[in-house]
Amino acid sequence: MFDSGLLFALHALLPNMQITTHGEGDDLMIRLQDEHGSHAVITACGTQYGQSLARQTGPRQLAEEVAAACERWEQAGRPLLHHFGMTRTQHEQWIWREDDNGVRRRWAPLRLSPPNQHAA
């Protein structure tokens, strides 16, 4: 089974990307899609799954964005799903991650280059 903490982190860090997973372990496949017509298929994600292979098309480099999000999740200590929460006020909402000391910090989406800056 794909790590639910990682999947939640990916959705929180990359909110404008549709992410679906199929399989597990060596048979894991991650499908990515955005509203600009970019698509990618990754066969693994992060060091837990070893080598990965990605095929992608479109203006955004979705596989690289997922790799950056996976790296952030790993650097945060691979938080589990129950370490995340959401706060909503009248004017805003945000996702937070609770650390080992019980401190809640915002888990803001990654700031990425606009799609047209990825094209070579």
PDB file of N, CA and C in Angstrom:
ATOM      1  N   MET A   1       0.839  -1.185   0.000  1.00  0.00           N
ATOM      2  CA  MET A   1       0.000   0.000   0.000  1.00  0.00           C
ATOM      3  C   MET A   1       0.882   1.245   0.000  1.00  0.00           C
ATOM      4  N   PHE A   2       0.508   2.254  -0.764  1.00  0.00           N
ATOM      5  CA  PHE A   2       1.231   3.518  -0.840  1.00  0.00           C
ATOM      6  C   PHE A   2       1.074   4.245   0.488  1.00  0.00           C
ATOM      7  N   ASP A   3       2.134   4.853   0.981  1.00  0.00           N
ATOM      8  CA  ASP A   3       2.125   5.538   2.268  1.00  0.00           C
ATOM      9  C   ASP A   3       1.089   6.668   2.272  1.00  0.00           C
ATOM     10  N   SER A   4       0.113   6.586   3.160  1.00  0.00           N
ATOM     11  CA  SER A   4      -0.969   7.585   3.190  1.00  0.00           C
ATOM     12  C   SER A   4      -0.458   8.955   3.618  1.00  0.00           C
ATOM     13  N   GLY A   5       0.576   9.005   4.471  1.00  0.00           N
ATOM     14  CA  GLY A   5       1.163  10.294   4.853  1.00  0.00           C
ATOM     15  C   GLY A   5       1.821  10.971   3.673  1.00  0.00           C
ATOM     16  N   LEU A   6       2.530  10.196   2.860  1.00  0.00           N
ATOM     17  CA  LEU A   6       3.162  10.751   1.663  1.00  0.00           C
ATOM     18  C   LEU A   6       2.111  11.215   0.668  1.00  0.00           C
ATOM     19  N   LEU A   7       1.082  10.421   0.454  1.00  0.00           N
ATOM     20  CA  LEU A   7       0.047  10.801  -0.505  1.00  0.00           C
ATOM     21  C   LEU A   7      -0.647  12.094  -0.064  1.00  0.00           C
ATOM     22  N   PHE A   8      -0.958  12.219   1.228  1.00  0.00           N
ATOM     23  CA  PHE A   8      -1.573  13.447   1.718  1.00  0.00           C
ATOM     24  C   PHE A   8      -0.625  14.626   1.523  1.00  0.00           C
ATOM     25  N   ALA A   9       0.666  14.422   1.845  1.00  0.00           N
ATOM     26  CA  ALA A   9       1.654  15.491   1.685  1.00  0.00           C
ATOM     27  C   ALA A   9       1.744  15.932   0.223  1.00  0.00           C
ATOM     28  N   LEU A  10       1.721  14.990  -0.702  1.00  0.00           N
ATOM     29  CA  LEU A  10       1.771  15.336  -2.130  1.00  0.00           C
ATOM     30  C   LEU A  10       0.572  16.188  -2.524  1.00  0.00           C
ATOM     31  N   HIS A  11      -0.608  15.798  -2.071  1.00  0.00           N
ATOM     32  CA  HIS A  11      -1.809  16.578  -2.399  1.00  0.00           C
ATOM     33  C   HIS A  11      -1.747  17.970  -1.768  1.00  0.00           C
ATOM     34  N   ALA A  12      -1.217  18.059  -0.549  1.00  0.00           N
ATOM     35  CA  ALA A  12      -1.124  19.364   0.123  1.00  0.00           C
ATOM     36  C   ALA A  12      -0.073  20.256  -0.524  1.00  0.00           C
ATOM     37  N   LEU A  13       1.060  19.683  -0.915  1.00  0.00           N
ATOM     38  CA  LEU A  13       2.153  20.460  -1.490  1.00  0.00           C
ATOM     39  C   LEU A  13       1.918  20.808  -2.951  1.00  0.00           C
ATOM     40  N   LEU A  14       1.124  20.002  -3.649  1.00  0.00           N
ATOM     41  CA  LEU A  14       0.875  20.186  -5.087  1.00  0.00           C
ATOM     42  C   LEU A  14      -0.633  20.208  -5.336  1.00  0.00           C
ATOM     43  N   PRO A  15      -1.337  21.220  -4.832  1.00  0.00           N
ATOM     44  CA  PRO A  15      -2.803  21.202  -4.883  1.00  0.00           C
ATOM     45  C   PRO A  15      -3.400  21.301  -6.288  1.00  0.00           C
ATOM     46  N   ASN A  16      -2.661  21.748  -7.277  1.00  0.00           N
ATOM     47  CA  ASN A  16      -3.190  21.883  -8.638  1.00  0.00           C
ATOM     48  C   ASN A  16      -2.838  20.696  -9.518  1.00  0.00           C
ATOM     49  N   MET A  17      -2.565  19.563  -8.894  1.00  0.00           N
ATOM     50  CA  MET A  17      -2.182  18.368  -9.627  1.00  0.00           C
ATOM     51  C   MET A  17      -3.072  17.207  -9.194  1.00  0.00           C
ATOM     52  N   GLN A  18      -3.595  16.476 -10.166  1.00  0.00           N
ATOM     53  CA  GLN A  18      -4.342  15.265  -9.859  1.00  0.00           C
ATOM     54  C   GLN A  18      -3.340  14.130  -9.718  1.00  0.00           C
ATOM     55  N   ILE A  19      -3.405  13.413  -8.609  1.00  0.00           N
ATOM     56  CA  ILE A  19      -2.455  12.334  -8.314  1.00  0.00           C
ATOM     57  C   ILE A  19      -3.238  11.068  -8.015  1.00  0.00           C
ATOM     58  N   THR A  20      -2.956  10.010  -8.760  1.00  0.00           N
ATOM     59  CA  THR A  20      -3.553   8.708  -8.476  1.00  0.00           C
ATOM     60  C   THR A  20      -2.445   7.672  -8.416  1.00  0.00           C
ATOM     61  N   THR A  21      -2.637   6.676  -7.571  1.00  0.00           N
ATOM     62  CA  THR A  21      -1.642   5.617  -7.420  1.00  0.00           C
ATOM     63  C   THR A  21      -2.293   4.268  -7.690  1.00  0.00           C
ATOM     64  N   HIS A  22      -1.470   3.353  -8.197  1.00  0.00           N
ATOM     65  CA  HIS A  22      -1.903   1.992  -8.472  1.00  0.00           C
ATOM     66  C   HIS A  22      -0.777   1.064  -8.053  1.00  0.00           C
ATOM     67  N   GLY A  23      -1.108  -0.063  -7.447  1.00  0.00           N
ATOM     68  CA  GLY A  23      -0.110  -1.052  -7.091  1.00  0.00           C
ATOM     69  C   GLY A  23       0.660  -0.676  -5.845  1.00  0.00           C
ATOM     70  N   GLU A  24       1.748  -1.410  -5.613  1.00  0.00           N
ATOM     71  CA  GLU A  24       2.612  -1.166  -4.468  1.00  0.00           C
ATOM     72  C   GLU A  24       3.987  -1.764  -4.724  1.00  0.00           C
ATOM     73  N   GLY A  25       4.960  -1.357  -3.906  1.00  0.00           N
ATOM     74  CA  GLY A  25       6.319  -1.878  -4.036  1.00  0.00           C
ATOM     75  C   GLY A  25       6.874  -1.671  -5.432  1.00  0.00           C
ATOM     76  N   ASP A  26       7.442  -2.729  -6.005  1.00  0.00           N
ATOM     77  CA  ASP A  26       8.032  -2.654  -7.342  1.00  0.00           C
ATOM     78  C   ASP A  26       6.996  -2.426  -8.432  1.00  0.00           C
ATOM     79  N   ASP A  27       5.722  -2.671  -8.137  1.00  0.00           N
ATOM     80  CA  ASP A  27       4.651  -2.499  -9.124  1.00  0.00           C
ATOM     81  C   ASP A  27       3.924  -1.161  -8.955  1.00  0.00           C
ATOM     82  N   LEU A  28       4.469  -0.259  -8.135  1.00  0.00           N
ATOM     83  CA  LEU A  28       3.818   1.026  -7.896  1.00  0.00           C
ATOM     84  C   LEU A  28       3.849   1.892  -9.146  1.00  0.00           C
ATOM     85  N   MET A  29       2.696   2.504  -9.455  1.00  0.00           N
ATOM     86  CA  MET A  29       2.607   3.441 -10.561  1.00  0.00           C
ATOM     87  C   MET A  29       1.860   4.671 -10.056  1.00  0.00           C
ATOM     88  N   ILE A  30       2.417   5.852 -10.314  1.00  0.00           N
ATOM     89  CA  ILE A  30       1.798   7.111  -9.933  1.00  0.00           C
ATOM     90  C   ILE A  30       1.471   7.861 -11.216  1.00  0.00           C
ATOM     91  N   ARG A  31       0.210   8.233 -11.381  1.00  0.00           N
ATOM     92  CA  ARG A  31      -0.228   9.004 -12.548  1.00  0.00           C
ATOM     93  C   ARG A  31      -0.499  10.437 -12.105  1.00  0.00           C
ATOM     94  N   LEU A  32       0.006  11.392 -12.892  1.00  0.00           N
ATOM     95  CA  LEU A  32      -0.118  12.813 -12.581  1.00  0.00           C
ATOM     96  C   LEU A  32      -0.754  13.538 -13.752  1.00  0.00           C
ATOM     97  N   GLN A  33      -1.534  14.556 -13.439  1.00  0.00           N
ATOM     98  CA  GLN A  33      -2.176  15.353 -14.487  1.00  0.00           C
ATOM     99  C   GLN A  33      -2.469  16.730 -13.907  1.00  0.00           C
ATOM    100  N   ASP A  34      -2.372  17.763 -14.753  1.00  0.00           N
ATOM    101  CA  ASP A  34      -2.761  19.103 -14.319  1.00  0.00           C
ATOM    102  C   ASP A  34      -3.742  19.709 -15.306  1.00  0.00           C
ATOM    103  N   GLU A  35      -4.198  20.912 -15.005  1.00  0.00           N
ATOM    104  CA  GLU A  35      -5.210  21.571 -15.836  1.00  0.00           C
ATOM    105  C   GLU A  35      -4.640  22.176 -17.109  1.00  0.00           C
ATOM    106  N   HIS A  36      -3.314  22.157 -17.285  1.00  0.00           N
ATOM    107  CA  HIS A  36      -2.675  22.737 -18.468  1.00  0.00           C
ATOM    108  C   HIS A  36      -2.333  21.685 -19.524  1.00  0.00           C
ATOM    109  N   GLY A  37      -2.743  20.433 -19.313  1.00  0.00           N
ATOM    110  CA  GLY A  37      -2.472  19.386 -20.288  1.00  0.00           C
ATOM    111  C   GLY A  37      -1.187  18.622 -20.052  1.00  0.00           C
ATOM    112  N   SER A  38      -0.545  18.824 -18.912  1.00  0.00           N
ATOM    113  CA  SER A  38       0.657  18.049 -18.582  1.00  0.00           C
ATOM    114  C   SER A  38       0.241  16.720 -17.971  1.00  0.00           C
ATOM    115  N   HIS A  39       0.989  15.673 -18.321  1.00  0.00           N
ATOM    116  CA  HIS A  39       0.743  14.330 -17.799  1.00  0.00           C
ATOM    117  C   HIS A  39       2.092  13.693 -17.467  1.00  0.00           C
ATOM    118  N   ALA A  40       2.087  12.791 -16.491  1.00  0.00           N
ATOM    119  CA  ALA A  40       3.289  12.023 -16.182  1.00  0.00           C
ATOM    120  C   ALA A  40       2.888  10.699 -15.558  1.00  0.00           C
ATOM    121  N   VAL A  41       3.741   9.719 -15.747  1.00  0.00           N
ATOM    122  CA  VAL A  41       3.607   8.424 -15.088  1.00  0.00           C
ATOM    123  C   VAL A  41       4.952   8.124 -14.454  1.00  0.00           C
ATOM    124  N   ILE A  42       4.934   7.840 -13.147  1.00  0.00           N
ATOM    125  CA  ILE A  42       6.154   7.519 -12.401  1.00  0.00           C
ATOM    126  C   ILE A  42       5.997   6.109 -11.855  1.00  0.00           C
ATOM    127  N   THR A  43       7.060   5.319 -11.931  1.00  0.00           N
ATOM    128  CA  THR A  43       6.986   3.952 -11.427  1.00  0.00           C
ATOM    129  C   THR A  43       7.373   3.840  -9.964  1.00  0.00           C
ATOM    130  N   ALA A  44       7.882   4.902  -9.344  1.00  0.00           N
ATOM    131  CA  ALA A  44       8.210   4.892  -7.910  1.00  0.00           C
ATOM    132  C   ALA A  44       8.389   6.332  -7.455  1.00  0.00           C
ATOM    133  N   CYS A  45       8.479   6.542  -6.129  1.00  0.00           N
ATOM    134  CA  CYS A  45       8.630   7.888  -5.584  1.00  0.00           C
ATOM    135  C   CYS A  45       9.427   7.821  -4.294  1.00  0.00           C
ATOM    136  N   GLY A  46      10.531   8.557  -4.190  1.00  0.00           N
ATOM    137  CA  GLY A  46      11.304   8.629  -2.956  1.00  0.00           C
ATOM    138  C   GLY A  46      12.224   7.444  -2.764  1.00  0.00           C
ATOM    139  N   THR A  47      13.059   7.524  -1.758  1.00  0.00           N
ATOM    140  CA  THR A  47      14.068   6.499  -1.510  1.00  0.00           C
ATOM    141  C   THR A  47      13.461   5.194  -1.026  1.00  0.00           C
ATOM    142  N   GLN A  48      12.270   5.221  -0.456  1.00  0.00           N
ATOM    143  CA  GLN A  48      11.629   4.000   0.021  1.00  0.00           C
ATOM    144  C   GLN A  48      11.416   3.019  -1.126  1.00  0.00           C
ATOM    145  N   TYR A  49      11.223   3.509  -2.334  1.00  0.00           N
ATOM    146  CA  TYR A  49      10.907   2.658  -3.469  1.00  0.00           C
ATOM    147  C   TYR A  49      12.081   2.464  -4.420  1.00  0.00           C
ATOM    148  N   GLY A  50      13.267   2.985  -4.077  1.00  0.00           N
ATOM    149  CA  GLY A  50      14.444   2.771  -4.910  1.00  0.00           C
ATOM    150  C   GLY A  50      14.400   3.596  -6.175  1.00  0.00           C
ATOM    151  N   GLN A  51      14.870   3.019  -7.264  1.00  0.00           N
ATOM    152  CA  GLN A  51      14.922   3.713  -8.553  1.00  0.00           C
ATOM    153  C   GLN A  51      13.518   4.041  -9.046  1.00  0.00           C
ATOM    154  N   SER A  52      13.420   5.138  -9.786  1.00  0.00           N
ATOM    155  CA  SER A  52      12.131   5.485 -10.376  1.00  0.00           C
ATOM    156  C   SER A  52      12.326   5.794 -11.853  1.00  0.00           C
ATOM    157  N   LEU A  53      11.257   5.646 -12.601  1.00  0.00           N
ATOM    158  CA  LEU A  53      11.248   5.929 -14.027  1.00  0.00           C
ATOM    159  C   LEU A  53      10.040   6.807 -14.291  1.00  0.00           C
ATOM    160  N   ALA A  54      10.243   7.900 -15.015  1.00  0.00           N
ATOM    161  CA  ALA A  54       9.138   8.812 -15.308  1.00  0.00           C
ATOM    162  C   ALA A  54       9.043   9.067 -16.799  1.00  0.00           C
ATOM    163  N   ARG A  55       7.807   9.140 -17.272  1.00  0.00           N
ATOM    164  CA  ARG A  55       7.516   9.585 -18.638  1.00  0.00           C
ATOM    165  C   ARG A  55       6.533  10.728 -18.491  1.00  0.00           C
ATOM    166  N   GLN A  56       6.807  11.841 -19.179  1.00  0.00           N
ATOM    167  CA  GLN A  56       5.930  12.992 -19.018  1.00  0.00           C
ATOM    168  C   GLN A  56       5.828  13.793 -20.302  1.00  0.00           C
ATOM    169  N   THR A  57       4.695  14.491 -20.420  1.00  0.00           N
ATOM    170  CA  THR A  57       4.453  15.377 -21.553  1.00  0.00           C
ATOM    171  C   THR A  57       3.764  16.625 -21.036  1.00  0.00           C
ATOM    172  N   GLY A  58       3.830  17.692 -21.827  1.00  0.00           N
ATOM    173  CA  GLY A  58       3.149  18.923 -21.470  1.00  0.00           C
ATOM    174  C   GLY A  58       4.092  19.995 -20.959  1.00  0.00           C
ATOM    175  N   PRO A  59       3.546  21.173 -20.669  1.00  0.00           N
ATOM    176  CA  PRO A  59       4.383  22.313 -20.289  1.00  0.00           C
ATOM    177  C   PRO A  59       5.011  22.214 -18.892  1.00  0.00           C
ATOM    178  N   ARG A  60       4.405  21.483 -17.970  1.00  0.00           N
ATOM    179  CA  ARG A  60       4.980  21.347 -16.626  1.00  0.00           C
ATOM    180  C   ARG A  60       5.752  20.054 -16.508  1.00  0.00           C
ATOM    181  N   GLN A  61       6.779  20.076 -15.713  1.00  0.00           N
ATOM    182  CA  GLN A  61       7.578  18.896 -15.407  1.00  0.00           C
ATOM    183  C   GLN A  61       7.039  18.278 -14.117  1.00  0.00           C
ATOM    184  N   LEU A  62       5.919  17.575 -14.223  1.00  0.00           N
ATOM    185  CA  LEU A  62       5.208  17.068 -13.058  1.00  0.00           C
ATOM    186  C   LEU A  62       6.042  16.094 -12.232  1.00  0.00           C
ATOM    187  N   ALA A  63       6.829  15.258 -12.878  1.00  0.00           N
ATOM    188  CA  ALA A  63       7.648  14.291 -12.148  1.00  0.00           C
ATOM    189  C   ALA A  63       8.671  14.993 -11.260  1.00  0.00           C
ATOM    190  N   GLU A  64       9.275  16.069 -11.754  1.00  0.00           N
ATOM    191  CA  GLU A  64      10.242  16.811 -10.948  1.00  0.00           C
ATOM    192  C   GLU A  64       9.561  17.493  -9.766  1.00  0.00           C
ATOM    193  N   GLU A  65       8.335  17.969  -9.991  1.00  0.00           N
ATOM    194  CA  GLU A  65       7.590  18.600  -8.902  1.00  0.00           C
ATOM    195  C   GLU A  65       7.255  17.581  -7.810  1.00  0.00           C
ATOM    196  N   VAL A  66       6.857  16.384  -8.210  1.00  0.00           N
ATOM    197  CA  VAL A  66       6.572  15.331  -7.236  1.00  0.00           C
ATOM    198  C   VAL A  66       7.850  14.930  -6.504  1.00  0.00           C
ATOM    199  N   ALA A  67       8.974  14.866  -7.223  1.00  0.00           N
ATOM    200  CA  ALA A  67      10.241  14.535  -6.568  1.00  0.00           C
ATOM    201  C   ALA A  67      10.592  15.577  -5.512  1.00  0.00           C
ATOM    202  N   ALA A  68      10.373  16.860  -5.798  1.00  0.00           N
ATOM    203  CA  ALA A  68      10.635  17.925  -4.820  1.00  0.00           C
ATOM    204  C   ALA A  68       9.710  17.793  -3.614  1.00  0.00           C
ATOM    205  N   ALA A  69       8.447  17.449  -3.850  1.00  0.00           N
ATOM    206  CA  ALA A  69       7.501  17.273  -2.751  1.00  0.00           C
ATOM    207  C   ALA A  69       7.873  16.055  -1.903  1.00  0.00           C
ATOM    208  N   CYS A  70       8.295  14.969  -2.552  1.00  0.00           N
ATOM    209  CA  CYS A  70       8.740  13.779  -1.813  1.00  0.00           C
ATOM    210  C   CYS A  70       9.950  14.108  -0.948  1.00  0.00           C
ATOM    211  N   GLU A  71      10.866  14.884  -1.487  1.00  0.00           N
ATOM    212  CA  GLU A  71      12.051  15.280  -0.733  1.00  0.00           C
ATOM    213  C   GLU A  71      11.666  16.102   0.496  1.00  0.00           C
ATOM    214  N   ARG A  72      10.719  17.023   0.328  1.00  0.00           N
ATOM    215  CA  ARG A  72      10.276  17.826   1.477  1.00  0.00           C
ATOM    216  C   ARG A  72       9.653  16.942   2.541  1.00  0.00           C
ATOM    217  N   TRP A  73       8.841  15.971   2.139  1.00  0.00           N
ATOM    218  CA  TRP A  73       8.215  15.029   3.075  1.00  0.00           C
ATOM    219  C   TRP A  73       9.276  14.228   3.825  1.00  0.00           C
ATOM    220  N   GLU A  74      10.290  13.754   3.091  1.00  0.00           N
ATOM    221  CA  GLU A  74      11.361  12.994   3.733  1.00  0.00           C
ATOM    222  C   GLU A  74      12.167  13.867   4.692  1.00  0.00           C
ATOM    223  N   GLN A  75      12.472  15.102   4.307  1.00  0.00           N
ATOM    224  CA  GLN A  75      13.214  16.014   5.175  1.00  0.00           C
ATOM    225  C   GLN A  75      12.431  16.352   6.435  1.00  0.00           C
ATOM    226  N   ALA A  76      11.107  16.295   6.359  1.00  0.00           N
ATOM    227  CA  ALA A  76      10.252  16.571   7.524  1.00  0.00           C
ATOM    228  C   ALA A  76      10.136  15.352   8.440  1.00  0.00           C
ATOM    229  N   GLY A  77      10.846  14.274   8.102  1.00  0.00           N
ATOM    230  CA  GLY A  77      10.815  13.079   8.943  1.00  0.00           C
ATOM    231  C   GLY A  77       9.751  12.075   8.551  1.00  0.00           C
ATOM    232  N   ARG A  78       9.262  12.172   7.318  1.00  0.00           N
ATOM    233  CA  ARG A  78       8.252  11.252   6.787  1.00  0.00           C
ATOM    234  C   ARG A  78       7.005  11.211   7.676  1.00  0.00           C
ATOM    235  N   PRO A  79       6.384  12.365   7.911  1.00  0.00           N
ATOM    236  CA  PRO A  79       5.223  12.391   8.806  1.00  0.00           C
ATOM    237  C   PRO A  79       4.094  11.487   8.329  1.00  0.00           C
ATOM    238  N   LEU A  80       3.446  10.883   9.304  1.00  0.00           N
ATOM    239  CA  LEU A  80       2.313  10.018   9.037  1.00  0.00           C
ATOM    240  C   LEU A  80       1.058  10.860   8.827  1.00  0.00           C
ATOM    241  N   LEU A  81       0.031  10.242   8.298  1.00  0.00           N
ATOM    242  CA  LEU A  81      -1.207  10.949   8.000  1.00  0.00           C
ATOM    243  C   LEU A  81      -1.765  11.662   9.235  1.00  0.00           C
ATOM    244  N   HIS A  82      -1.703  11.019  10.401  1.00  0.00           N
ATOM    245  CA  HIS A  82      -2.297  11.635  11.592  1.00  0.00           C
ATOM    246  C   HIS A  82      -1.485  12.817  12.133  1.00  0.00           C
ATOM    247  N   HIS A  83      -0.338  13.113  11.540  1.00  0.00           N
ATOM    248  CA  HIS A  83       0.434  14.302  11.927  1.00  0.00           C
ATOM    249  C   HIS A  83      -0.040  15.557  11.201  1.00  0.00           C
ATOM    250  N   PHE A  84      -0.962  15.408  10.261  1.00  0.00           N
ATOM    251  CA  PHE A  84      -1.468  16.538   9.491  1.00  0.00           C
ATOM    252  C   PHE A  84      -2.851  16.929   9.988  1.00  0.00           C
ATOM    253  N   GLY A  85      -3.182  18.196   9.789  1.00  0.00           N
ATOM    254  CA  GLY A  85      -4.512  18.688  10.126  1.00  0.00           C
ATOM    255  C   GLY A  85      -4.808  19.910   9.287  1.00  0.00           C
ATOM    256  N   MET A  86      -5.987  20.476   9.495  1.00  0.00           N
ATOM    257  CA  MET A  86      -6.385  21.650   8.732  1.00  0.00           C
ATOM    258  C   MET A  86      -7.095  22.614   9.663  1.00  0.00           C
ATOM    259  N   THR A  87      -6.798  23.882   9.511  1.00  0.00           N
ATOM    260  CA  THR A  87      -7.463  24.944  10.257  1.00  0.00           C
ATOM    261  C   THR A  87      -8.152  25.857   9.258  1.00  0.00           C
ATOM    262  N   ARG A  88      -9.349  26.281   9.628  1.00  0.00           N
ATOM    263  CA  ARG A  88     -10.104  27.185   8.762  1.00  0.00           C
ATOM    264  C   ARG A  88     -10.660  28.313   9.621  1.00  0.00           C
ATOM    265  N   THR A  89     -10.476  29.523   9.132  1.00  0.00           N
ATOM    266  CA  THR A  89     -11.063  30.690   9.770  1.00  0.00           C
ATOM    267  C   THR A  89     -12.053  31.297   8.785  1.00  0.00           C
ATOM    268  N   GLN A  90     -12.633  32.407   9.167  1.00  0.00           N
ATOM    269  CA  GLN A  90     -13.585  33.072   8.273  1.00  0.00           C
ATOM    270  C   GLN A  90     -12.914  33.542   6.988  1.00  0.00           C
ATOM    271  N   HIS A  91     -11.600  33.838   7.037  1.00  0.00           N
ATOM    272  CA  HIS A  91     -10.916  34.444   5.900  1.00  0.00           C
ATOM    273  C   HIS A  91      -9.899  33.550   5.195  1.00  0.00           C
ATOM    274  N   GLU A  92      -9.506  32.465   5.802  1.00  0.00           N
ATOM    275  CA  GLU A  92      -8.495  31.613   5.173  1.00  0.00           C
ATOM    276  C   GLU A  92      -8.550  30.197   5.741  1.00  0.00           C
ATOM    277  N   GLN A  93      -7.829  29.305   5.081  1.00  0.00           N
ATOM    278  CA  GLN A  93      -7.660  27.943   5.582  1.00  0.00           C
ATOM    279  C   GLN A  93      -6.257  27.491   5.240  1.00  0.00           C
ATOM    280  N   TRP A  94      -5.725  26.571   6.037  1.00  0.00           N
ATOM    281  CA  TRP A  94      -4.381  26.076   5.781  1.00  0.00           C
ATOM    282  C   TRP A  94      -4.220  24.684   6.382  1.00  0.00           C
ATOM    283  N   ILE A  95      -3.278  23.963   5.809  1.00  0.00           N
ATOM    284  CA  ILE A  95      -2.902  22.643   6.302  1.00  0.00           C
ATOM    285  C   ILE A  95      -1.679  22.809   7.168  1.00  0.00           C
ATOM    286  N   TRP A  96      -1.634  22.077   8.260  1.00  0.00           N
ATOM    287  CA  TRP A  96      -0.480  22.123   9.145  1.00  0.00           C
ATOM    288  C   TRP A  96       0.011  20.705   9.405  1.00  0.00           C
ATOM    289  N   ARG A  97       1.276  20.644   9.868  1.00  0.00           N
ATOM    290  CA  ARG A  97       1.890  19.375  10.270  1.00  0.00           C
ATOM    291  C   ARG A  97       2.350  19.536  11.703  1.00  0.00           C
ATOM    292  N   GLU A  98       2.015  18.564  12.527  1.00  0.00           N
ATOM    293  CA  GLU A  98       2.430  18.594  13.926  1.00  0.00           C
ATOM    294  C   GLU A  98       3.735  17.824  14.074  1.00  0.00           C
ATOM    295  N   ASP A  99       4.743  18.466  14.695  1.00  0.00           N
ATOM    296  CA  ASP A  99       6.029  17.787  14.865  1.00  0.00           C
ATOM    297  C   ASP A  99       6.023  16.958  16.154  1.00  0.00           C
ATOM    298  N   ASP A 100       7.152  16.332  16.462  1.00  0.00           N
ATOM    299  CA  ASP A 100       7.253  15.441  17.615  1.00  0.00           C
ATOM    300  C   ASP A 100       7.042  16.162  18.941  1.00  0.00           C
ATOM    301  N   ASN A 101       7.209  17.486  18.961  1.00  0.00           N
ATOM    302  CA  ASN A 101       7.014  18.268  20.183  1.00  0.00           C
ATOM    303  C   ASN A 101       5.607  18.841  20.292  1.00  0.00           C
ATOM    304  N   GLY A 102       4.733  18.480  19.363  1.00  0.00           N
ATOM    305  CA  GLY A 102       3.363  18.966  19.389  1.00  0.00           C
ATOM    306  C   GLY A 102       3.185  20.349  18.791  1.00  0.00           C
ATOM    307  N   VAL A 103       4.227  20.860  18.138  1.00  0.00           N
ATOM    308  CA  VAL A 103       4.145  22.184  17.511  1.00  0.00           C
ATOM    309  C   VAL A 103       3.560  22.021  16.111  1.00  0.00           C
ATOM    310  N   ARG A 104       2.543  22.826  15.812  1.00  0.00           N
ATOM    311  CA  ARG A 104       1.891  22.776  14.502  1.00  0.00           C
ATOM    312  C   ARG A 104       2.439  23.885  13.622  1.00  0.00           C
ATOM    313  N   ARG A 105       2.953  23.493  12.461  1.00  0.00           N
ATOM    314  CA  ARG A 105       3.494  24.449  11.501  1.00  0.00           C
ATOM    315  C   ARG A 105       2.743  24.310  10.172  1.00  0.00           C
ATOM    316  N   ARG A 106       2.524  25.453   9.519  1.00  0.00           N
ATOM    317  CA  ARG A 106       1.844  25.420   8.224  1.00  0.00           C
ATOM    318  C   ARG A 106       2.632  24.572   7.232  1.00  0.00           C
ATOM    319  N   TRP A 107       1.919  23.847   6.430  1.00  0.00           N
ATOM    320  CA  TRP A 107       2.487  22.990   5.388  1.00  0.00           C
ATOM    321  C   TRP A 107       2.040  23.594   4.068  1.00  0.00           C
ATOM    322  N   ALA A 108       2.749  24.634   3.651  1.00  0.00           N
ATOM    323  CA  ALA A 108       2.342  25.416   2.481  1.00  0.00           C
ATOM    324  C   ALA A 108       2.676  24.698   1.179  1.00  0.00           C
ATOM    325  N   PRO A 109       1.871  24.908   0.141  1.00  0.00           N
ATOM    326  CA  PRO A 109       2.180  24.323  -1.175  1.00  0.00           C
ATOM    327  C   PRO A 109       3.547  24.791  -1.672  1.00  0.00           C
ATOM    328  N   LEU A 110       4.181  23.948  -2.461  1.00  0.00           N
ATOM    329  CA  LEU A 110       5.468  24.312  -3.051  1.00  0.00           C
ATOM    330  C   LEU A 110       5.270  25.458  -4.027  1.00  0.00           C
ATOM    331  N   ARG A 111       6.228  26.351  -4.082  1.00  0.00           N
ATOM    332  CA  ARG A 111       6.199  27.439  -5.064  1.00  0.00           C
ATOM    333  C   ARG A 111       7.043  27.000  -6.242  1.00  0.00           C
ATOM    334  N   LEU A 112       6.377  26.836  -7.354  1.00  0.00           N
ATOM    335  CA  LEU A 112       7.034  26.298  -8.536  1.00  0.00           C
ATOM    336  C   LEU A 112       6.997  27.312  -9.662  1.00  0.00           C
ATOM    337  N   SER A 113       7.876  27.121 -10.618  1.00  0.00           N
ATOM    338  CA  SER A 113       7.908  28.004 -11.769  1.00  0.00           C
ATOM    339  C   SER A 113       6.640  27.853 -12.584  1.00  0.00           C
ATOM    340  N   PRO A 114       6.182  28.928 -13.230  1.00  0.00           N
ATOM    341  CA  PRO A 114       5.025  28.806 -14.126  1.00  0.00           C
ATOM    342  C   PRO A 114       5.317  27.803 -15.222  1.00  0.00           C
ATOM    343  N   PRO A 115       4.289  27.140 -15.777  1.00  0.00           N
ATOM    344  CA  PRO A 115       4.495  26.105 -16.784  1.00  0.00           C
ATOM    345  C   PRO A 115       5.368  26.541 -17.958  1.00  0.00           C
ATOM    346  N   ASN A 116       5.221  27.769 -18.453  1.00  0.00           N
ATOM    347  CA  ASN A 116       5.963  28.156 -19.648  1.00  0.00           C
ATOM    348  C   ASN A 116       7.453  28.318 -19.402  1.00  0.00           C
ATOM    349  N   GLN A 117       7.909  28.370 -18.138  1.00  0.00           N
ATOM    350  CA  GLN A 117       9.336  28.484 -17.867  1.00  0.00           C
ATOM    351  C   GLN A 117      10.032  27.132 -17.908  1.00  0.00           C
ATOM    352  N   HIS A 118       9.277  26.035 -17.965  1.00  0.00           N
ATOM    353  CA  HIS A 118       9.870  24.696 -18.044  1.00  0.00           C
ATOM    354  C   HIS A 118      10.212  24.303 -19.466  1.00  0.00           C
ATOM    355  N   ALA A 119       9.565  24.910 -20.413  1.00  0.00           N
ATOM    356  CA  ALA A 119       9.790  24.518 -21.806  1.00  0.00           C
ATOM    357  C   ALA A 119      11.187  24.910 -22.252  1.00  0.00           C
ATOM    358  N   ALA A 120      11.842  24.020 -22.985  1.00  0.00           N
ATOM    359  CA  ALA A 120      13.200  24.302 -23.447  1.00  0.00           C
ATOM    360  C   ALA A 120      13.193  24.637 -24.920  1.00  0.00           C
TER     361      ALA A 120
END
